[in-house]
Amino acid sequence: MQSWTETLVPLFRMRKVFENEQLTLFKIEGALTTQNAELWEEEFTLIMQRLDHPVIFDCASLRTTNHALTGILQHLMSDKMFFLNLSTPVRNMLRSAGLGAKVLD
């Protein structure tokens, strides 16, 4: 029998903090883990389908990440998607996956 702590899915939130006709900025807060990677992928897909202009994801409040992020981004990456304030390990993962142009320093 699993305890309630073993069945919890780590939380995250993508919150729109700025939008005009040329750009939308989302702040990502929380954690990316193997337990919630599928939810992340769904959320990214919904956001990118709704918007037809560049989107910047501010990851300064992203606490935990894993290699699932690289896989999700490689699958979903579009010309309109950019990332800001990534931790060094995540930034390096994206650059080594050929997504360095999407990382804003």
PDB file of N, CA and C in Angstrom:
ATOM      1  N   MET A   1       0.842  -1.180   0.000  1.00  0.00           N
ATOM      2  CA  MET A   1       0.000   0.000   0.000  1.00  0.00           C
ATOM      3  C   MET A   1       0.889   1.245   0.000  1.00  0.00           C
ATOM      4  N   GLN A   2       0.569   2.208  -0.858  1.00  0.00           N
ATOM      5  CA  GLN A   2       1.343   3.437  -0.942  1.00  0.00           C
ATOM      6  C   GLN A   2       0.842   4.446   0.083  1.00  0.00           C
ATOM      7  N   SER A   3       1.783   5.202   0.612  1.00  0.00           N
ATOM      8  CA  SER A   3       1.381   6.281   1.510  1.00  0.00           C
ATOM      9  C   SER A   3       0.931   7.474   0.673  1.00  0.00           C
ATOM     10  N   TRP A   4       0.246   8.410   1.300  1.00  0.00           N
ATOM     11  CA  TRP A   4      -0.239   9.576   0.557  1.00  0.00           C
ATOM     12  C   TRP A   4       0.901  10.406   0.004  1.00  0.00           C
ATOM     13  N   THR A   5       2.081  10.382   0.638  1.00  0.00           N
ATOM     14  CA  THR A   5       3.209  11.161   0.126  1.00  0.00           C
ATOM     15  C   THR A   5       3.786  10.553  -1.139  1.00  0.00           C
ATOM     16  N   GLU A   6       3.602   9.270  -1.353  1.00  0.00           N
ATOM     17  CA  GLU A   6       4.115   8.623  -2.557  1.00  0.00           C
ATOM     18  C   GLU A   6       3.220   8.863  -3.763  1.00  0.00           C
ATOM     19  N   THR A   7       1.990   9.266  -3.549  1.00  0.00           N
ATOM     20  CA  THR A   7       1.052   9.462  -4.650  1.00  0.00           C
ATOM     21  C   THR A   7       0.899  10.925  -5.051  1.00  0.00           C
ATOM     22  N   LEU A   8       1.551  11.831  -4.374  1.00  0.00           N
ATOM     23  CA  LEU A   8       1.449  13.251  -4.705  1.00  0.00           C
ATOM     24  C   LEU A   8       2.199  13.570  -5.990  1.00  0.00           C
ATOM     25  N   VAL A   9       1.628  14.426  -6.799  1.00  0.00           N
ATOM     26  CA  VAL A   9       2.288  14.917  -7.998  1.00  0.00           C
ATOM     27  C   VAL A   9       2.787  16.322  -7.689  1.00  0.00           C
ATOM     28  N   PRO A  10       4.082  16.591  -7.898  1.00  0.00           N
ATOM     29  CA  PRO A  10       4.609  17.933  -7.627  1.00  0.00           C
ATOM     30  C   PRO A  10       3.871  18.990  -8.453  1.00  0.00           C
ATOM     31  N   LEU A  11       3.646  20.125  -7.853  1.00  0.00           N
ATOM     32  CA  LEU A  11       2.868  21.186  -8.480  1.00  0.00           C
ATOM     33  C   LEU A  11       3.741  22.124  -9.300  1.00  0.00           C
ATOM     34  N   PHE A  12       3.125  22.714 -10.296  1.00  0.00           N
ATOM     35  CA  PHE A  12       3.749  23.781 -11.064  1.00  0.00           C
ATOM     36  C   PHE A  12       2.639  24.705 -11.532  1.00  0.00           C
ATOM     37  N   ARG A  13       3.040  25.894 -11.939  1.00  0.00           N
ATOM     38  CA  ARG A  13       2.067  26.864 -12.441  1.00  0.00           C
ATOM     39  C   ARG A  13       2.725  27.672 -13.543  1.00  0.00           C
ATOM     40  N   MET A  14       1.998  27.886 -14.629  1.00  0.00           N
ATOM     41  CA  MET A  14       2.426  28.777 -15.699  1.00  0.00           C
ATOM     42  C   MET A  14       1.443  29.933 -15.681  1.00  0.00           C
ATOM     43  N   ARG A  15       1.957  31.105 -15.363  1.00  0.00           N
ATOM     44  CA  ARG A  15       1.104  32.278 -15.167  1.00  0.00           C
ATOM     45  C   ARG A  15       1.497  33.367 -16.161  1.00  0.00           C
ATOM     46  N   LYS A  16       0.507  33.884 -16.898  1.00  0.00           N
ATOM     47  CA  LYS A  16       0.771  34.963 -17.848  1.00  0.00           C
ATOM     48  C   LYS A  16       0.995  36.246 -17.064  1.00  0.00           C
ATOM     49  N   VAL A  17       2.154  36.885 -17.275  1.00  0.00           N
ATOM     50  CA  VAL A  17       2.459  38.114 -16.547  1.00  0.00           C
ATOM     51  C   VAL A  17       2.498  39.349 -17.449  1.00  0.00           C
ATOM     52  N   PHE A  18       2.571  39.122 -18.765  1.00  0.00           N
ATOM     53  CA  PHE A  18       2.589  40.248 -19.694  1.00  0.00           C
ATOM     54  C   PHE A  18       2.118  39.752 -21.054  1.00  0.00           C
ATOM     55  N   GLU A  19       1.359  40.609 -21.741  1.00  0.00           N
ATOM     56  CA  GLU A  19       0.958  40.271 -23.106  1.00  0.00           C
ATOM     57  C   GLU A  19       0.639  41.538 -23.867  1.00  0.00           C
ATOM     58  N   ASN A  20       1.115  41.597 -25.089  1.00  0.00           N
ATOM     59  CA  ASN A  20       0.674  42.609 -26.041  1.00  0.00           C
ATOM     60  C   ASN A  20       0.534  41.910 -27.391  1.00  0.00           C
ATOM     61  N   GLU A  21       0.342  42.650 -28.453  1.00  0.00           N
ATOM     62  CA  GLU A  21       0.112  42.006 -29.752  1.00  0.00           C
ATOM     63  C   GLU A  21       1.366  41.373 -30.342  1.00  0.00           C
ATOM     64  N   GLN A  22       2.538  41.649 -29.765  1.00  0.00           N
ATOM     65  CA  GLN A  22       3.786  41.120 -30.309  1.00  0.00           C
ATOM     66  C   GLN A  22       4.455  40.061 -29.451  1.00  0.00           C
ATOM     67  N   LEU A  23       4.061  39.932 -28.174  1.00  0.00           N
ATOM     68  CA  LEU A  23       4.799  39.073 -27.252  1.00  0.00           C
ATOM     69  C   LEU A  23       3.935  38.695 -26.053  1.00  0.00           C
ATOM     70  N   THR A  24       4.135  37.480 -25.546  1.00  0.00           N
ATOM     71  CA  THR A  24       3.510  37.056 -24.294  1.00  0.00           C
ATOM     72  C   THR A  24       4.599  36.497 -23.395  1.00  0.00           C
ATOM     73  N   LEU A  25       4.545  36.865 -22.116  1.00  0.00           N
ATOM     74  CA  LEU A  25       5.520  36.394 -21.132  1.00  0.00           C
ATOM     75  C   LEU A  25       4.791  35.581 -20.070  1.00  0.00           C
ATOM     76  N   PHE A  26       5.245  34.343 -19.881  1.00  0.00           N
ATOM     77  CA  PHE A  26       4.714  33.472 -18.836  1.00  0.00           C
ATOM     78  C   PHE A  26       5.785  33.253 -17.784  1.00  0.00           C
ATOM     79  N   LYS A  27       5.390  33.246 -16.535  1.00  0.00           N
ATOM     80  CA  LYS A  27       6.285  32.909 -15.432  1.00  0.00           C
ATOM     81  C   LYS A  27       5.965  31.476 -15.027  1.00  0.00           C
ATOM     82  N   ILE A  28       6.989  30.639 -14.981  1.00  0.00           N
ATOM     83  CA  ILE A  28       6.819  29.245 -14.585  1.00  0.00           C
ATOM     84  C   ILE A  28       7.313  29.096 -13.160  1.00  0.00           C
ATOM     85  N   GLU A  29       6.475  28.517 -12.314  1.00  0.00           N
ATOM     86  CA  GLU A  29       6.813  28.314 -10.906  1.00  0.00           C
ATOM     87  C   GLU A  29       6.570  26.855 -10.551  1.00  0.00           C
ATOM     88  N   GLY A  30       7.368  26.339  -9.653  1.00  0.00           N
ATOM     89  CA  GLY A  30       7.144  24.979  -9.183  1.00  0.00           C
ATOM     90  C   GLY A  30       8.235  24.028  -9.609  1.00  0.00           C
ATOM     91  N   ALA A  31       7.833  22.803  -9.917  1.00  0.00           N
ATOM     92  CA  ALA A  31       8.798  21.744 -10.187  1.00  0.00           C
ATOM     93  C   ALA A  31       8.405  20.965 -11.432  1.00  0.00           C
ATOM     94  N   LEU A  32       9.418  20.528 -12.168  1.00  0.00           N
ATOM     95  CA  LEU A  32       9.226  19.595 -13.273  1.00  0.00           C
ATOM     96  C   LEU A  32       9.865  18.286 -12.860  1.00  0.00           C
ATOM     97  N   THR A  33       9.072  17.262 -12.786  1.00  0.00           N
ATOM     98  CA  THR A  33       9.556  15.938 -12.395  1.00  0.00           C
ATOM     99  C   THR A  33       9.001  14.911 -13.370  1.00  0.00           C
ATOM    100  N   THR A  34       9.434  13.680 -13.219  1.00  0.00           N
ATOM    101  CA  THR A  34       8.893  12.627 -14.075  1.00  0.00           C
ATOM    102  C   THR A  34       7.407  12.409 -13.810  1.00  0.00           C
ATOM    103  N   GLN A  35       6.940  12.714 -12.590  1.00  0.00           N
ATOM    104  CA  GLN A  35       5.523  12.525 -12.269  1.00  0.00           C
ATOM    105  C   GLN A  35       4.614  13.519 -12.984  1.00  0.00           C
ATOM    106  N   ASN A  36       5.101  14.730 -13.238  1.00  0.00           N
ATOM    107  CA  ASN A  36       4.218  15.723 -13.856  1.00  0.00           C
ATOM    108  C   ASN A  36       4.666  16.154 -15.253  1.00  0.00           C
ATOM    109  N   ALA A  37       5.609  15.455 -15.858  1.00  0.00           N
ATOM    110  CA  ALA A  37       6.123  15.832 -17.178  1.00  0.00           C
ATOM    111  C   ALA A  37       5.021  15.835 -18.237  1.00  0.00           C
ATOM    112  N   GLU A  38       4.105  14.891 -18.155  1.00  0.00           N
ATOM    113  CA  GLU A  38       3.012  14.834 -19.125  1.00  0.00           C
ATOM    114  C   GLU A  38       2.107  16.064 -19.003  1.00  0.00           C
ATOM    115  N   LEU A  39       1.869  16.515 -17.784  1.00  0.00           N
ATOM    116  CA  LEU A  39       1.066  17.724 -17.575  1.00  0.00           C
ATOM    117  C   LEU A  39       1.766  18.949 -18.150  1.00  0.00           C
ATOM    118  N   TRP A  40       3.094  19.012 -17.997  1.00  0.00           N
ATOM    119  CA  TRP A  40       3.864  20.108 -18.577  1.00  0.00           C
ATOM    120  C   TRP A  40       3.682  20.123 -20.089  1.00  0.00           C
ATOM    121  N   GLU A  41       3.812  18.959 -20.693  1.00  0.00           N
ATOM    122  CA  GLU A  41       3.692  18.875 -22.143  1.00  0.00           C
ATOM    123  C   GLU A  41       2.311  19.348 -22.603  1.00  0.00           C
ATOM    124  N   GLU A  42       1.271  18.948 -21.906  1.00  0.00           N
ATOM    125  CA  GLU A  42      -0.085  19.389 -22.242  1.00  0.00           C
ATOM    126  C   GLU A  42      -0.215  20.907 -22.125  1.00  0.00           C
ATOM    127  N   GLU A  43       0.341  21.465 -21.073  1.00  0.00           N
ATOM    128  CA  GLU A  43       0.241  22.911 -20.845  1.00  0.00           C
ATOM    129  C   GLU A  43       0.990  23.695 -21.924  1.00  0.00           C
ATOM    130  N   PHE A  44       2.220  23.270 -22.249  1.00  0.00           N
ATOM    131  CA  PHE A  44       2.974  23.921 -23.324  1.00  0.00           C
ATOM    132  C   PHE A  44       2.204  23.841 -24.640  1.00  0.00           C
ATOM    133  N   THR A  45       1.637  22.687 -24.940  1.00  0.00           N
ATOM    134  CA  THR A  45       0.888  22.504 -26.184  1.00  0.00           C
ATOM    135  C   THR A  45      -0.296  23.457 -26.255  1.00  0.00           C
ATOM    136  N   LEU A  46      -1.064  23.550 -25.179  1.00  0.00           N
ATOM    137  CA  LEU A  46      -2.225  24.447 -25.158  1.00  0.00           C
ATOM    138  C   LEU A  46      -1.819  25.902 -25.352  1.00  0.00           C
ATOM    139  N   ILE A  47      -0.775  26.318 -24.681  1.00  0.00           N
ATOM    140  CA  ILE A  47      -0.317  27.710 -24.794  1.00  0.00           C
ATOM    141  C   ILE A  47       0.118  28.014 -26.220  1.00  0.00           C
ATOM    142  N   MET A  48       0.937  27.150 -26.796  1.00  0.00           N
ATOM    143  CA  MET A  48       1.486  27.427 -28.119  1.00  0.00           C
ATOM    144  C   MET A  48       0.414  27.335 -29.208  1.00  0.00           C
ATOM    145  N   GLN A  49      -0.623  26.530 -29.009  1.00  0.00           N
ATOM    146  CA  GLN A  49      -1.712  26.455 -29.986  1.00  0.00           C
ATOM    147  C   GLN A  49      -2.567  27.716 -29.972  1.00  0.00           C
ATOM    148  N   ARG A  50      -2.687  28.357 -28.827  1.00  0.00           N
ATOM    149  CA  ARG A  50      -3.551  29.535 -28.693  1.00  0.00           C
ATOM    150  C   ARG A  50      -2.893  30.823 -29.167  1.00  0.00           C
ATOM    151  N   LEU A  51      -1.566  30.871 -29.187  1.00  0.00           N
ATOM    152  CA  LEU A  51      -0.874  32.123 -29.479  1.00  0.00           C
ATOM    153  C   LEU A  51      -0.171  32.059 -30.825  1.00  0.00           C
ATOM    154  N   ASP A  52      -0.200  33.179 -31.542  1.00  0.00           N
ATOM    155  CA  ASP A  52       0.448  33.217 -32.853  1.00  0.00           C
ATOM    156  C   ASP A  52       1.626  34.191 -32.885  1.00  0.00           C
ATOM    157  N   HIS A  53       2.118  34.567 -31.717  1.00  0.00           N
ATOM    158  CA  HIS A  53       3.278  35.446 -31.641  1.00  0.00           C
ATOM    159  C   HIS A  53       4.282  34.849 -30.645  1.00  0.00           C
ATOM    160  N   PRO A  54       5.492  35.399 -30.568  1.00  0.00           N
ATOM    161  CA  PRO A  54       6.513  34.823 -29.675  1.00  0.00           C
ATOM    162  C   PRO A  54       6.078  34.768 -28.215  1.00  0.00           C
ATOM    163  N   VAL A  55       6.506  33.693 -27.554  1.00  0.00           N
ATOM    164  CA  VAL A  55       6.196  33.462 -26.147  1.00  0.00           C
ATOM    165  C   VAL A  55       7.509  33.250 -25.409  1.00  0.00           C
ATOM    166  N   ILE A  56       7.688  33.987 -24.316  1.00  0.00           N
ATOM    167  CA  ILE A  56       8.865  33.820 -23.460  1.00  0.00           C
ATOM    168  C   ILE A  56       8.402  33.197 -22.157  1.00  0.00           C
ATOM    169  N   PHE A  57       9.095  32.140 -21.744  1.00  0.00           N
ATOM    170  CA  PHE A  57       8.814  31.478 -20.476  1.00  0.00           C
ATOM    171  C   PHE A  57       9.925  31.839 -19.495  1.00  0.00           C
ATOM    172  N   ASP A  58       9.575  32.568 -18.442  1.00  0.00           N
ATOM    173  CA  ASP A  58      10.533  32.963 -17.406  1.00  0.00           C
ATOM    174  C   ASP A  58      10.612  31.836 -16.381  1.00  0.00           C
ATOM    175  N   CYS A  59      11.780  31.228 -16.274  1.00  0.00           N
ATOM    176  CA  CYS A  59      11.964  30.043 -15.426  1.00  0.00           C
ATOM    177  C   CYS A  59      12.716  30.346 -14.136  1.00  0.00           C
ATOM    178  N   ALA A  60      12.748  31.607 -13.709  1.00  0.00           N
ATOM    179  CA  ALA A  60      13.493  31.978 -12.505  1.00  0.00           C
ATOM    180  C   ALA A  60      12.960  31.279 -11.259  1.00  0.00           C
ATOM    181  N   SER A  61      11.671  30.965 -11.228  1.00  0.00           N
ATOM    182  CA  SER A  61      11.067  30.320 -10.055  1.00  0.00           C
ATOM    183  C   SER A  61      10.870  28.820 -10.241  1.00  0.00           C
ATOM    184  N   LEU A  62      11.504  28.271 -11.251  1.00  0.00           N
ATOM    185  CA  LEU A  62      11.429  26.831 -11.492  1.00  0.00           C
ATOM    186  C   LEU A  62      12.427  26.154 -10.569  1.00  0.00           C
ATOM    187  N   ARG A  63      11.920  25.405  -9.604  1.00  0.00           N
ATOM    188  CA  ARG A  63      12.773  24.827  -8.564  1.00  0.00           C
ATOM    189  C   ARG A  63      13.483  23.559  -8.990  1.00  0.00           C
ATOM    190  N   THR A  64      12.767  22.637  -9.562  1.00  0.00           N
ATOM    191  CA  THR A  64      13.322  21.329  -9.856  1.00  0.00           C
ATOM    192  C   THR A  64      13.070  20.998 -11.313  1.00  0.00           C
ATOM    193  N   THR A  65      14.073  20.463 -11.962  1.00  0.00           N
ATOM    194  CA  THR A  65      13.903  20.032 -13.346  1.00  0.00           C
ATOM    195  C   THR A  65      14.610  18.704 -13.527  1.00  0.00           C
ATOM    196  N   ASN A  66      14.322  18.053 -14.620  1.00  0.00           N
ATOM    197  CA  ASN A  66      15.046  16.841 -14.968  1.00  0.00           C
ATOM    198  C   ASN A  66      15.152  16.768 -16.484  1.00  0.00           C
ATOM    199  N   HIS A  67      15.657  15.674 -16.973  1.00  0.00           N
ATOM    200  CA  HIS A  67      15.865  15.541 -18.416  1.00  0.00           C
ATOM    201  C   HIS A  67      14.562  15.467 -19.199  1.00  0.00           C
ATOM    202  N   ALA A  68      13.450  15.277 -18.517  1.00  0.00           N
ATOM    203  CA  ALA A  68      12.153  15.259 -19.205  1.00  0.00           C
ATOM    204  C   ALA A  68      11.889  16.597 -19.888  1.00  0.00           C
ATOM    205  N   LEU A  69      12.388  17.691 -19.314  1.00  0.00           N
ATOM    206  CA  LEU A  69      12.190  19.011 -19.909  1.00  0.00           C
ATOM    207  C   LEU A  69      12.791  19.069 -21.305  1.00  0.00           C
ATOM    208  N   THR A  70      14.000  18.546 -21.473  1.00  0.00           N
ATOM    209  CA  THR A  70      14.646  18.567 -22.777  1.00  0.00           C
ATOM    210  C   THR A  70      13.820  17.799 -23.796  1.00  0.00           C
ATOM    211  N   GLY A  71      13.332  16.626 -23.421  1.00  0.00           N
ATOM    212  CA  GLY A  71      12.511  15.832 -24.333  1.00  0.00           C
ATOM    213  C   GLY A  71      11.226  16.534 -24.715  1.00  0.00           C
ATOM    214  N   ILE A  72      10.579  17.138 -23.729  1.00  0.00           N
ATOM    215  CA  ILE A  72       9.339  17.869 -23.988  1.00  0.00           C
ATOM    216  C   ILE A  72       9.607  19.022 -24.947  1.00  0.00           C
ATOM    217  N   LEU A  73      10.655  19.771 -24.682  1.00  0.00           N
ATOM    218  CA  LEU A  73      10.934  20.947 -25.503  1.00  0.00           C
ATOM    219  C   LEU A  73      11.363  20.573 -26.912  1.00  0.00           C
ATOM    220  N   GLN A  74      12.134  19.502 -27.061  1.00  0.00           N
ATOM    221  CA  GLN A  74      12.519  19.069 -28.403  1.00  0.00           C
ATOM    222  C   GLN A  74      11.285  18.682 -29.209  1.00  0.00           C
ATOM    223  N   HIS A  75      10.328  18.061 -28.561  1.00  0.00           N
ATOM    224  CA  HIS A  75       9.103  17.623 -29.230  1.00  0.00           C
ATOM    225  C   HIS A  75       8.201  18.808 -29.581  1.00  0.00           C
ATOM    226  N   LEU A  76       8.137  19.804 -28.719  1.00  0.00           N
ATOM    227  CA  LEU A  76       7.195  20.909 -28.882  1.00  0.00           C
ATOM    228  C   LEU A  76       7.793  22.193 -29.431  1.00  0.00           C
ATOM    229  N   MET A  77       9.107  22.277 -29.501  1.00  0.00           N
ATOM    230  CA  MET A  77       9.771  23.537 -29.815  1.00  0.00           C
ATOM    231  C   MET A  77       9.267  24.125 -31.127  1.00  0.00           C
ATOM    232  N   SER A  78       8.983  25.403 -31.075  1.00  0.00           N
ATOM    233  CA  SER A  78       8.574  26.130 -32.269  1.00  0.00           C
ATOM    234  C   SER A  78       9.433  27.386 -32.390  1.00  0.00           C
ATOM    235  N   ASP A  79       9.300  28.056 -33.510  1.00  0.00           N
ATOM    236  CA  ASP A  79      10.051  29.291 -33.736  1.00  0.00           C
ATOM    237  C   ASP A  79       9.628  30.394 -32.778  1.00  0.00           C
ATOM    238  N   LYS A  80       8.467  30.242 -32.148  1.00  0.00           N
ATOM    239  CA  LYS A  80       7.902  31.290 -31.295  1.00  0.00           C
ATOM    240  C   LYS A  80       8.216  31.108 -29.814  1.00  0.00           C
ATOM    241  N   MET A  81       8.939  30.076 -29.427  1.00  0.00           N
ATOM    242  CA  MET A  81       9.120  29.712 -28.017  1.00  0.00           C
ATOM    243  C   MET A  81      10.542  30.044 -27.548  1.00  0.00           C
ATOM    244  N   PHE A  82      10.643  30.800 -26.433  1.00  0.00           N
ATOM    245  CA  PHE A  82      11.939  31.182 -25.873  1.00  0.00           C
ATOM    246  C   PHE A  82      11.912  31.023 -24.354  1.00  0.00           C
ATOM    247  N   PHE A  83      13.105  30.861 -23.757  1.00  0.00           N
ATOM    248  CA  PHE A  83      13.210  30.639 -22.312  1.00  0.00           C
ATOM    249  C   PHE A  83      14.184  31.624 -21.693  1.00  0.00           C
ATOM    250  N   LEU A  84      13.821  32.131 -20.525  1.00  0.00           N
ATOM    251  CA  LEU A  84      14.584  33.144 -19.808  1.00  0.00           C
ATOM    252  C   LEU A  84      14.846  32.655 -18.389  1.00  0.00           C
ATOM    253  N   ASN A  85      15.997  33.008 -17.844  1.00  0.00           N
ATOM    254  CA  ASN A  85      16.353  32.705 -16.447  1.00  0.00           C
ATOM    255  C   ASN A  85      16.370  31.211 -16.126  1.00  0.00           C
ATOM    256  N   LEU A  86      16.903  30.431 -17.035  1.00  0.00           N
ATOM    257  CA  LEU A  86      17.052  28.996 -16.771  1.00  0.00           C
ATOM    258  C   LEU A  86      18.242  28.758 -15.861  1.00  0.00           C
ATOM    259  N   SER A  87      18.164  27.710 -15.070  1.00  0.00           N
ATOM    260  CA  SER A  87      19.323  27.329 -14.266  1.00  0.00           C
ATOM    261  C   SER A  87      20.421  26.841 -15.215  1.00  0.00           C
ATOM    262  N   THR A  88      21.654  26.896 -14.765  1.00  0.00           N
ATOM    263  CA  THR A  88      22.780  26.505 -15.613  1.00  0.00           C
ATOM    264  C   THR A  88      22.661  25.078 -16.131  1.00  0.00           C
ATOM    265  N   PRO A  89      22.310  24.090 -15.303  1.00  0.00           N
ATOM    266  CA  PRO A  89      22.194  22.726 -15.843  1.00  0.00           C
ATOM    267  C   PRO A  89      21.138  22.599 -16.946  1.00  0.00           C
ATOM    268  N   VAL A  90      19.995  23.254 -16.771  1.00  0.00           N
ATOM    269  CA  VAL A  90      18.940  23.177 -17.788  1.00  0.00           C
ATOM    270  C   VAL A  90      19.377  23.913 -19.048  1.00  0.00           C
ATOM    271  N   ARG A  91      19.976  25.071 -18.883  1.00  0.00           N
ATOM    272  CA  ARG A  91      20.481  25.832 -20.031  1.00  0.00           C
ATOM    273  C   ARG A  91      21.482  24.995 -20.822  1.00  0.00           C
ATOM    274  N   ASN A  92      22.381  24.309 -20.117  1.00  0.00           N
ATOM    275  CA  ASN A  92      23.366  23.457 -20.786  1.00  0.00           C
ATOM    276  C   ASN A  92      22.708  22.276 -21.490  1.00  0.00           C
ATOM    277  N   MET A  93      21.669  21.692 -20.868  1.00  0.00           N
ATOM    278  CA  MET A  93      20.951  20.578 -21.509  1.00  0.00           C
ATOM    279  C   MET A  93      20.324  21.033 -22.821  1.00  0.00           C
ATOM    280  N   LEU A  94      19.698  22.204 -22.813  1.00  0.00           N
ATOM    281  CA  LEU A  94      19.050  22.699 -24.024  1.00  0.00           C
ATOM    282  C   LEU A  94      20.070  23.039 -25.104  1.00  0.00           C
ATOM    283  N   ARG A  95      21.166  23.639 -24.714  1.00  0.00           N
ATOM    284  CA  ARG A  95      22.205  23.964 -25.701  1.00  0.00           C
ATOM    285  C   ARG A  95      22.795  22.705 -26.315  1.00  0.00           C
ATOM    286  N   SER A  96      23.037  21.687 -25.495  1.00  0.00           N
ATOM    287  CA  SER A  96      23.606  20.448 -26.028  1.00  0.00           C
ATOM    288  C   SER A  96      22.595  19.694 -26.894  1.00  0.00           C
ATOM    289  N   ALA A  97      21.307  19.973 -26.716  1.00  0.00           N
ATOM    290  CA  ALA A  97      20.269  19.359 -27.549  1.00  0.00           C
ATOM    291  C   ALA A  97      20.020  20.165 -28.826  1.00  0.00           C
ATOM    292  N   GLY A  98      20.815  21.216 -29.047  1.00  0.00           N
ATOM    293  CA  GLY A  98      20.670  22.026 -30.245  1.00  0.00           C
ATOM    294  C   GLY A  98      19.619  23.116 -30.137  1.00  0.00           C
ATOM    295  N   LEU A  99      19.198  23.436 -28.921  1.00  0.00           N
ATOM    296  CA  LEU A  99      18.154  24.437 -28.711  1.00  0.00           C
ATOM    297  C   LEU A  99      18.699  25.726 -28.102  1.00  0.00           C
ATOM    298  N   GLY A 100      19.988  25.973 -28.260  1.00  0.00           N
ATOM    299  CA  GLY A 100      20.619  27.142 -27.656  1.00  0.00           C
ATOM    300  C   GLY A 100      20.053  28.470 -28.117  1.00  0.00           C
ATOM    301  N   ALA A 101      19.545  28.536 -29.342  1.00  0.00           N
ATOM    302  CA  ALA A 101      18.977  29.785 -29.855  1.00  0.00           C
ATOM    303  C   ALA A 101      17.686  30.158 -29.131  1.00  0.00           C
ATOM    304  N   LYS A 102      17.096  29.221 -28.422  1.00  0.00           N
ATOM    305  CA  LYS A 102      15.847  29.466 -27.699  1.00  0.00           C
ATOM    306  C   LYS A 102      16.078  29.907 -26.262  1.00  0.00           C
ATOM    307  N   VAL A 103      17.347  29.951 -25.842  1.00  0.00           N
ATOM    308  CA  VAL A 103      17.703  30.335 -24.474  1.00  0.00           C
ATOM    309  C   VAL A 103      18.116  31.800 -24.477  1.00  0.00           C
ATOM    310  N   LEU A 104      17.397  32.620 -23.736  1.00  0.00           N
ATOM    311  CA  LEU A 104      17.718  34.038 -23.620  1.00  0.00           C
ATOM    312  C   LEU A 104      18.521  34.240 -22.345  1.00  0.00           C
ATOM    313  N   ASP A 105      19.681  34.836 -22.468  1.00  0.00           N
ATOM    314  CA  ASP A 105      20.533  35.072 -21.292  1.00  0.00           C
ATOM    315  C   ASP A 105      20.282  36.433 -20.696  1.00  0.00           C
TER     316      ASP A 105
END
